[in-house]
């Protein structure tokens, strides 16, 4: 039950109202989040606290987060849609 509430909350926070972010964050949450370890789940929640404009720049690869945790999460999400 608690897990359902948490996933709904994360889903709500993953929907940013900016299509470029929604198409990255929502599928990542739905398809990959449950397989993350506890530390990466915390990193994802930390990412969701970021400003949309910052995230947009990171995901469009115009800039990188200074925070290594956020950098790791951005890379994980991008690697899912841009396999090497």
PDB file of N, CA and C in Angstrom:
ATOM      1  N   UNK A   1       0.834  -1.206   0.000  1.00  0.00           N
ATOM      2  CA  UNK A   1       0.000   0.000   0.000  1.00  0.00           C
ATOM      3  C   UNK A   1       0.865   1.252   0.000  1.00  0.00           C
ATOM      4  N   UNK A   2       1.831   1.295   0.907  1.00  0.00           N
ATOM      5  CA  UNK A   2       2.714   2.455   0.973  1.00  0.00           C
ATOM      6  C   UNK A   2       3.480   2.621  -0.328  1.00  0.00           C
ATOM      7  N   UNK A   3       3.911   1.510  -0.918  1.00  0.00           N
ATOM      8  CA  UNK A   3       4.645   1.564  -2.184  1.00  0.00           C
ATOM      9  C   UNK A   3       3.773   2.158  -3.291  1.00  0.00           C
ATOM     10  N   UNK A   4       2.484   1.825  -3.306  1.00  0.00           N
ATOM     11  CA  UNK A   4       1.575   2.386  -4.307  1.00  0.00           C
ATOM     12  C   UNK A   4       1.464   3.893  -4.154  1.00  0.00           C
ATOM     13  N   UNK A   5       1.331   4.348  -2.930  1.00  0.00           N
ATOM     14  CA  UNK A   5       1.223   5.782  -2.659  1.00  0.00           C
ATOM     15  C   UNK A   5       2.505   6.489  -3.081  1.00  0.00           C
ATOM     16  N   UNK A   6       3.640   5.890  -2.747  1.00  0.00           N
ATOM     17  CA  UNK A   6       4.929   6.474  -3.118  1.00  0.00           C
ATOM     18  C   UNK A   6       5.081   6.548  -4.641  1.00  0.00           C
ATOM     19  N   UNK A   7       4.708   5.499  -5.350  1.00  0.00           N
ATOM     20  CA  UNK A   7       4.817   5.507  -6.813  1.00  0.00           C
ATOM     21  C   UNK A   7       3.887   6.557  -7.431  1.00  0.00           C
ATOM     22  N   UNK A   8       2.705   6.700  -6.891  1.00  0.00           N
ATOM     23  CA  UNK A   8       1.789   7.719  -7.407  1.00  0.00           C
ATOM     24  C   UNK A   8       2.355   9.116  -7.179  1.00  0.00           C
ATOM     25  N   UNK A   9       2.961   9.314  -6.017  1.00  0.00           N
ATOM     26  CA  UNK A   9       3.561  10.610  -5.715  1.00  0.00           C
ATOM     27  C   UNK A   9       4.731  10.879  -6.668  1.00  0.00           C
ATOM     28  N   UNK A  10       5.570   9.873  -6.881  1.00  0.00           N
ATOM     29  CA  UNK A  10       6.706  10.033  -7.796  1.00  0.00           C
ATOM     30  C   UNK A  10       6.231  10.259  -9.227  1.00  0.00           C
ATOM     31  N   UNK A  11       5.177   9.560  -9.622  1.00  0.00           N
ATOM     32  CA  UNK A  11       4.622   9.751 -10.958  1.00  0.00           C
ATOM     33  C   UNK A  11       4.169  11.199 -11.127  1.00  0.00           C
ATOM     34  N   UNK A  12       3.461  11.704 -10.122  1.00  0.00           N
ATOM     35  CA  UNK A  12       2.972  13.077 -10.171  1.00  0.00           C
ATOM     36  C   UNK A  12       4.140  14.056 -10.290  1.00  0.00           C
ATOM     37  N   UNK A  13       5.202  13.831  -9.527  1.00  0.00           N
ATOM     38  CA  UNK A  13       6.363  14.730  -9.558  1.00  0.00           C
ATOM     39  C   UNK A  13       7.207  14.536 -10.821  1.00  0.00           C
ATOM     40  N   UNK A  14       7.088  13.366 -11.459  1.00  0.00           N
ATOM     41  CA  UNK A  14       7.831  13.119 -12.692  1.00  0.00           C
ATOM     42  C   UNK A  14       7.169  13.801 -13.889  1.00  0.00           C
ATOM     43  N   UNK A  15       5.888  14.092 -13.784  1.00  0.00           N
ATOM     44  CA  UNK A  15       5.183  14.816 -14.848  1.00  0.00           C
ATOM     45  C   UNK A  15       5.456  16.294 -14.643  1.00  0.00           C
ATOM     46  N   UNK A  16       6.247  16.859 -15.523  1.00  0.00           N
ATOM     47  CA  UNK A  16       6.733  18.211 -15.328  1.00  0.00           C
ATOM     48  C   UNK A  16       5.958  19.254 -16.112  1.00  0.00           C
ATOM     49  N   UNK A  17       5.165  18.843 -17.079  1.00  0.00           N
ATOM     50  CA  UNK A  17       4.465  19.813 -17.906  1.00  0.00           C
ATOM     51  C   UNK A  17       5.333  20.325 -19.042  1.00  0.00           C
ATOM     52  N   UNK A  18       6.509  19.759 -19.182  1.00  0.00           N
ATOM     53  CA  UNK A  18       7.394  20.081 -20.297  1.00  0.00           C
ATOM     54  C   UNK A  18       7.621  18.752 -21.018  1.00  0.00           C
ATOM     55  N   UNK A  19       7.118  18.644 -22.243  1.00  0.00           N
ATOM     56  CA  UNK A  19       7.112  17.369 -22.954  1.00  0.00           C
ATOM     57  C   UNK A  19       8.488  16.710 -22.976  1.00  0.00           C
ATOM     58  N   UNK A  20       9.525  17.505 -23.205  1.00  0.00           N
ATOM     59  CA  UNK A  20      10.870  16.936 -23.307  1.00  0.00           C
ATOM     60  C   UNK A  20      11.286  16.231 -22.016  1.00  0.00           C
ATOM     61  N   UNK A  21      10.819  16.724 -20.883  1.00  0.00           N
ATOM     62  CA  UNK A  21      11.119  16.082 -19.599  1.00  0.00           C
ATOM     63  C   UNK A  21      10.178  14.910 -19.346  1.00  0.00           C
ATOM     64  N   UNK A  22       8.908  15.094 -19.652  1.00  0.00           N
ATOM     65  CA  UNK A  22       7.925  14.034 -19.411  1.00  0.00           C
ATOM     66  C   UNK A  22       8.283  12.752 -20.156  1.00  0.00           C
ATOM     67  N   UNK A  23       8.753  12.869 -21.404  1.00  0.00           N
ATOM     68  CA  UNK A  23       9.028  11.667 -22.196  1.00  0.00           C
ATOM     69  C   UNK A  23      10.269  10.931 -21.702  1.00  0.00           C
ATOM     70  N   UNK A  24      11.082  11.579 -20.884  1.00  0.00           N
ATOM     71  CA  UNK A  24      12.237  10.917 -20.277  1.00  0.00           C
ATOM     72  C   UNK A  24      11.921  10.397 -18.884  1.00  0.00           C
ATOM     73  N   UNK A  25      11.303  11.228 -18.068  1.00  0.00           N
ATOM     74  CA  UNK A  25      11.114  10.889 -16.652  1.00  0.00           C
ATOM     75  C   UNK A  25      10.019   9.852 -16.420  1.00  0.00           C
ATOM     76  N   UNK A  26       8.879  10.009 -17.064  1.00  0.00           N
ATOM     77  CA  UNK A  26       7.758   9.096 -16.797  1.00  0.00           C
ATOM     78  C   UNK A  26       8.098   7.658 -17.214  1.00  0.00           C
ATOM     79  N   UNK A  27       8.618   7.435 -18.432  1.00  0.00           N
ATOM     80  CA  UNK A  27       8.989   6.048 -18.767  1.00  0.00           C
ATOM     81  C   UNK A  27      10.089   5.494 -17.866  1.00  0.00           C
ATOM     82  N   UNK A  28      11.042   6.338 -17.467  1.00  0.00           N
ATOM     83  CA  UNK A  28      12.090   5.867 -16.560  1.00  0.00           C
ATOM     84  C   UNK A  28      11.470   5.409 -15.247  1.00  0.00           C
ATOM     85  N   UNK A  29      10.551   6.205 -14.716  1.00  0.00           N
ATOM     86  CA  UNK A  29       9.881   5.833 -13.471  1.00  0.00           C
ATOM     87  C   UNK A  29       9.119   4.521 -13.644  1.00  0.00           C
ATOM     88  N   UNK A  30       8.375   4.407 -14.725  1.00  0.00           N
ATOM     89  CA  UNK A  30       7.527   3.231 -14.936  1.00  0.00           C
ATOM     90  C   UNK A  30       8.335   1.966 -15.231  1.00  0.00           C
ATOM     91  N   UNK A  31       9.449   2.114 -15.939  1.00  0.00           N
ATOM     92  CA  UNK A  31      10.155   0.939 -16.441  1.00  0.00           C
ATOM     93  C   UNK A  31      11.432   0.593 -15.678  1.00  0.00           C
ATOM     94  N   UNK A  32      12.053   1.566 -15.027  1.00  0.00           N
ATOM     95  CA  UNK A  32      13.368   1.314 -14.429  1.00  0.00           C
ATOM     96  C   UNK A  32      13.451   1.582 -12.931  1.00  0.00           C
ATOM     97  N   UNK A  33      12.607   2.458 -12.421  1.00  0.00           N
ATOM     98  CA  UNK A  33      12.738   2.891 -11.024  1.00  0.00           C
ATOM     99  C   UNK A  33      12.686   1.724 -10.047  1.00  0.00           C
ATOM    100  N   UNK A  34      11.776   0.805 -10.251  1.00  0.00           N
ATOM    101  CA  UNK A  34      11.606  -0.296  -9.291  1.00  0.00           C
ATOM    102  C   UNK A  34      12.842  -1.190  -9.208  1.00  0.00           C
ATOM    103  N   UNK A  35      13.668  -1.189 -10.251  1.00  0.00           N
ATOM    104  CA  UNK A  35      14.889  -2.004 -10.253  1.00  0.00           C
ATOM    105  C   UNK A  35      16.098  -1.280  -9.667  1.00  0.00           C
ATOM    106  N   UNK A  36      15.949  -0.010  -9.350  1.00  0.00           N
ATOM    107  CA  UNK A  36      17.074   0.743  -8.795  1.00  0.00           C
ATOM    108  C   UNK A  36      17.359   0.314  -7.366  1.00  0.00           C
ATOM    109  N   UNK A  37      18.624   0.461  -6.945  1.00  0.00           N
ATOM    110  CA  UNK A  37      18.917   0.226  -5.527  1.00  0.00           C
ATOM    111  C   UNK A  37      18.454   1.445  -4.720  1.00  0.00           C
ATOM    112  N   UNK A  38      18.484   1.323  -3.425  1.00  0.00           N
ATOM    113  CA  UNK A  38      17.941   2.367  -2.544  1.00  0.00           C
ATOM    114  C   UNK A  38      18.633   3.713  -2.764  1.00  0.00           C
ATOM    115  N   UNK A  39      19.950   3.688  -2.978  1.00  0.00           N
ATOM    116  CA  UNK A  39      20.680   4.946  -3.165  1.00  0.00           C
ATOM    117  C   UNK A  39      20.281   5.634  -4.465  1.00  0.00           C
ATOM    118  N   UNK A  40      20.091   4.861  -5.540  1.00  0.00           N
ATOM    119  CA  UNK A  40      19.674   5.461  -6.805  1.00  0.00           C
ATOM    120  C   UNK A  40      18.225   5.952  -6.732  1.00  0.00           C
ATOM    121  N   UNK A  41      17.389   5.284  -5.963  1.00  0.00           N
ATOM    122  CA  UNK A  41      16.022   5.786  -5.770  1.00  0.00           C
ATOM    123  C   UNK A  41      16.061   7.147  -5.082  1.00  0.00           C
ATOM    124  N   UNK A  42      16.951   7.282  -4.100  1.00  0.00           N
ATOM    125  CA  UNK A  42      17.114   8.590  -3.445  1.00  0.00           C
ATOM    126  C   UNK A  42      17.627   9.631  -4.440  1.00  0.00           C
ATOM    127  N   UNK A  43      18.541   9.226  -5.297  1.00  0.00           N
ATOM    128  CA  UNK A  43      19.065  10.157  -6.310  1.00  0.00           C
ATOM    129  C   UNK A  43      17.951  10.609  -7.255  1.00  0.00           C
ATOM    130  N   UNK A  44      17.075   9.685  -7.632  1.00  0.00           N
ATOM    131  CA  UNK A  44      15.967  10.059  -8.520  1.00  0.00           C
ATOM    132  C   UNK A  44      15.052  11.070  -7.835  1.00  0.00           C
ATOM    133  N   UNK A  45      14.740  10.815  -6.577  1.00  0.00           N
ATOM    134  CA  UNK A  45      13.884  11.761  -5.843  1.00  0.00           C
ATOM    135  C   UNK A  45      14.569  13.117  -5.716  1.00  0.00           C
ATOM    136  N   UNK A  46      15.877  13.109  -5.526  1.00  0.00           N
ATOM    137  CA  UNK A  46      16.643  14.357  -5.461  1.00  0.00           C
ATOM    138  C   UNK A  46      16.570  15.088  -6.807  1.00  0.00           C
ATOM    139  N   UNK A  47      16.666  14.338  -7.897  1.00  0.00           N
ATOM    140  CA  UNK A  47      16.574  14.936  -9.229  1.00  0.00           C
ATOM    141  C   UNK A  47      15.242  15.658  -9.398  1.00  0.00           C
ATOM    142  N   UNK A  48      14.171  15.056  -8.901  1.00  0.00           N
ATOM    143  CA  UNK A  48      12.842  15.645  -9.059  1.00  0.00           C
ATOM    144  C   UNK A  48      12.707  16.973  -8.317  1.00  0.00           C
ATOM    145  N   UNK A  49      13.604  17.262  -7.392  1.00  0.00           N
ATOM    146  CA  UNK A  49      13.581  18.540  -6.678  1.00  0.00           C
ATOM    147  C   UNK A  49      14.238  19.656  -7.490  1.00  0.00           C
ATOM    148  N   UNK A  50      14.863  19.298  -8.600  1.00  0.00           N
ATOM    149  CA  UNK A  50      15.548  20.285  -9.437  1.00  0.00           C
ATOM    150  C   UNK A  50      14.544  21.114 -10.231  1.00  0.00           C
ATOM    151  N   UNK A  51      15.008  22.276 -10.664  1.00  0.00           N
ATOM    152  CA  UNK A  51      14.180  23.144 -11.505  1.00  0.00           C
ATOM    153  C   UNK A  51      14.064  22.549 -12.909  1.00  0.00           C
ATOM    154  N   UNK A  52      12.903  22.744 -13.521  1.00  0.00           N
ATOM    155  CA  UNK A  52      12.673  22.213 -14.864  1.00  0.00           C
ATOM    156  C   UNK A  52      13.714  22.727 -15.858  1.00  0.00           C
ATOM    157  N   UNK A  53      14.036  24.015 -15.792  1.00  0.00           N
ATOM    158  CA  UNK A  53      14.992  24.582 -16.744  1.00  0.00           C
ATOM    159  C   UNK A  53      16.369  23.944 -16.592  1.00  0.00           C
ATOM    160  N   UNK A  54      16.765  23.652 -15.361  1.00  0.00           N
ATOM    161  CA  UNK A  54      18.045  22.970 -15.143  1.00  0.00           C
ATOM    162  C   UNK A  54      18.007  21.575 -15.753  1.00  0.00           C
ATOM    163  N   UNK A  55      16.939  20.849 -15.455  1.00  0.00           N
ATOM    164  CA  UNK A  55      16.819  19.488 -15.991  1.00  0.00           C
ATOM    165  C   UNK A  55      16.785  19.496 -17.515  1.00  0.00           C
ATOM    166  N   UNK A  56      16.089  20.460 -18.085  1.00  0.00           N
ATOM    167  CA  UNK A  56      16.023  20.552 -19.538  1.00  0.00           C
ATOM    168  C   UNK A  56      17.436  20.683 -20.114  1.00  0.00           C
ATOM    169  N   UNK A  57      18.235  21.561 -19.551  1.00  0.00           N
ATOM    170  CA  UNK A  57      19.611  21.742 -20.016  1.00  0.00           C
ATOM    171  C   UNK A  57      20.436  20.474 -19.876  1.00  0.00           C
ATOM    172  N   UNK A  58      20.255  19.770 -18.765  1.00  0.00           N
ATOM    173  CA  UNK A  58      21.010  18.528 -18.536  1.00  0.00           C
ATOM    174  C   UNK A  58      20.621  17.455 -19.537  1.00  0.00           C
ATOM    175  N   UNK A  59      19.318  17.278 -19.727  1.00  0.00           N
ATOM    176  CA  UNK A  59      18.859  16.207 -20.606  1.00  0.00           C
ATOM    177  C   UNK A  59      19.072  16.528 -22.080  1.00  0.00           C
ATOM    178  N   UNK A  60      19.139  17.801 -22.420  1.00  0.00           N
ATOM    179  CA  UNK A  60      19.461  18.183 -23.797  1.00  0.00           C
ATOM    180  C   UNK A  60      20.981  18.246 -23.980  1.00  0.00           C
ATOM    181  N   UNK A  61      21.699  17.940 -22.923  1.00  0.00           N
ATOM    182  CA  UNK A  61      23.163  17.875 -22.895  1.00  0.00           C
ATOM    183  C   UNK A  61      23.807  19.214 -23.230  1.00  0.00           C
ATOM    184  N   UNK A  62      23.153  20.277 -22.763  1.00  0.00           N
ATOM    185  CA  UNK A  62      23.710  21.624 -22.899  1.00  0.00           C
ATOM    186  C   UNK A  62      24.544  21.992 -21.686  1.00  0.00           C
ATOM    187  N   UNK A  63      24.297  21.291 -20.594  1.00  0.00           N
ATOM    188  CA  UNK A  63      25.047  21.509 -19.359  1.00  0.00           C
ATOM    189  C   UNK A  63      24.997  20.221 -18.555  1.00  0.00           C
ATOM    190  N   UNK A  64      25.715  20.205 -17.435  1.00  0.00           N
ATOM    191  CA  UNK A  64      25.710  19.045 -16.538  1.00  0.00           C
ATOM    192  C   UNK A  64      25.486  19.541 -15.112  1.00  0.00           C
ATOM    193  N   UNK A  65      24.847  18.712 -14.310  1.00  0.00           N
ATOM    194  CA  UNK A  65      24.704  19.099 -12.896  1.00  0.00           C
ATOM    195  C   UNK A  65      26.071  19.095 -12.214  1.00  0.00           C
ATOM    196  N   UNK A  66      26.258  20.004 -11.283  1.00  0.00           N
ATOM    197  CA  UNK A  66      27.490  20.015 -10.486  1.00  0.00           C
ATOM    198  C   UNK A  66      27.499  18.853  -9.498  1.00  0.00           C
ATOM    199  N   UNK A  67      26.322  18.494  -9.014  1.00  0.00           N
ATOM    200  CA  UNK A  67      26.184  17.440  -8.013  1.00  0.00           C
ATOM    201  C   UNK A  67      26.431  16.074  -8.651  1.00  0.00           C
ATOM    202  N   UNK A  68      27.398  15.298  -8.146  1.00  0.00           N
ATOM    203  CA  UNK A  68      27.685  13.989  -8.749  1.00  0.00           C
ATOM    204  C   UNK A  68      26.501  13.025  -8.698  1.00  0.00           C
ATOM    205  N   UNK A  69      25.665  13.115  -7.668  1.00  0.00           N
ATOM    206  CA  UNK A  69      24.478  12.252  -7.598  1.00  0.00           C
ATOM    207  C   UNK A  69      23.517  12.566  -8.741  1.00  0.00           C
ATOM    208  N   UNK A  70      23.298  13.854  -8.971  1.00  0.00           N
ATOM    209  CA  UNK A  70      22.395  14.249 -10.050  1.00  0.00           C
ATOM    210  C   UNK A  70      23.002  13.899 -11.408  1.00  0.00           C
ATOM    211  N   UNK A  71      24.304  14.078 -11.530  1.00  0.00           N
ATOM    212  CA  UNK A  71      24.986  13.739 -12.781  1.00  0.00           C
ATOM    213  C   UNK A  71      24.804  12.246 -13.094  1.00  0.00           C
ATOM    214  N   UNK A  72      24.945  11.414 -12.058  1.00  0.00           N
ATOM    215  CA  UNK A  72      24.761   9.968 -12.236  1.00  0.00           C
ATOM    216  C   UNK A  72      23.340   9.650 -12.706  1.00  0.00           C
ATOM    217  N   UNK A  73      22.353  10.276 -12.095  1.00  0.00           N
ATOM    218  CA  UNK A  73      20.966   9.988 -12.446  1.00  0.00           C
ATOM    219  C   UNK A  73      20.643  10.472 -13.858  1.00  0.00           C
ATOM    220  N   UNK A  74      21.103  11.651 -14.217  1.00  0.00           N
ATOM    221  CA  UNK A  74      20.883  12.161 -15.575  1.00  0.00           C
ATOM    222  C   UNK A  74      21.494  11.189 -16.583  1.00  0.00           C
ATOM    223  N   UNK A  75      22.704  10.722 -16.308  1.00  0.00           N
ATOM    224  CA  UNK A  75      23.380   9.777 -17.211  1.00  0.00           C
ATOM    225  C   UNK A  75      22.594   8.473 -17.313  1.00  0.00           C
ATOM    226  N   UNK A  76      22.078   7.968 -16.191  1.00  0.00           N
ATOM    227  CA  UNK A  76      21.299   6.720 -16.219  1.00  0.00           C
ATOM    228  C   UNK A  76      20.060   6.876 -17.100  1.00  0.00           C
ATOM    229  N   UNK A  77      19.379   8.001 -16.975  1.00  0.00           N
ATOM    230  CA  UNK A  77      18.167   8.231 -17.751  1.00  0.00           C
ATOM    231  C   UNK A  77      18.505   8.394 -19.224  1.00  0.00           C
ATOM    232  N   UNK A  78      19.548   9.161 -19.533  1.00  0.00           N
ATOM    233  CA  UNK A  78      19.950   9.338 -20.926  1.00  0.00           C
ATOM    234  C   UNK A  78      20.427   8.028 -21.551  1.00  0.00           C
ATOM    235  N   UNK A  79      21.137   7.209 -20.774  1.00  0.00           N
ATOM    236  CA  UNK A  79      21.627   5.939 -21.308  1.00  0.00           C
ATOM    237  C   UNK A  79      20.494   5.001 -21.708  1.00  0.00           C
ATOM    238  N   UNK A  80      19.339   5.144 -21.084  1.00  0.00           N
ATOM    239  CA  UNK A  80      18.200   4.306 -21.441  1.00  0.00           C
ATOM    240  C   UNK A  80      17.666   4.663 -22.823  1.00  0.00           C
ATOM    241  N   UNK A  81      17.752   5.940 -23.193  1.00  0.00           N
ATOM    242  CA  UNK A  81      17.187   6.375 -24.477  1.00  0.00           C
ATOM    243  C   UNK A  81      18.248   6.546 -25.554  1.00  0.00           C
ATOM    244  N   UNK A  82      19.523   6.555 -25.142  1.00  0.00           N
ATOM    245  CA  UNK A  82      20.639   6.704 -26.087  1.00  0.00           C
ATOM    246  C   UNK A  82      21.686   5.650 -25.794  1.00  0.00           C
ATOM    247  N   UNK A  83      21.384   4.385 -26.066  1.00  0.00           N
ATOM    248  CA  UNK A  83      22.383   3.358 -25.762  1.00  0.00           C
ATOM    249  C   UNK A  83      23.681   3.612 -26.533  1.00  0.00           C
ATOM    250  N   UNK A  84      24.791   3.284 -25.896  1.00  0.00           N
ATOM    251  CA  UNK A  84      26.104   3.552 -26.510  1.00  0.00           C
ATOM    252  C   UNK A  84      26.298   2.743 -27.774  1.00  0.00           C
TER     253      UNK A  84
END
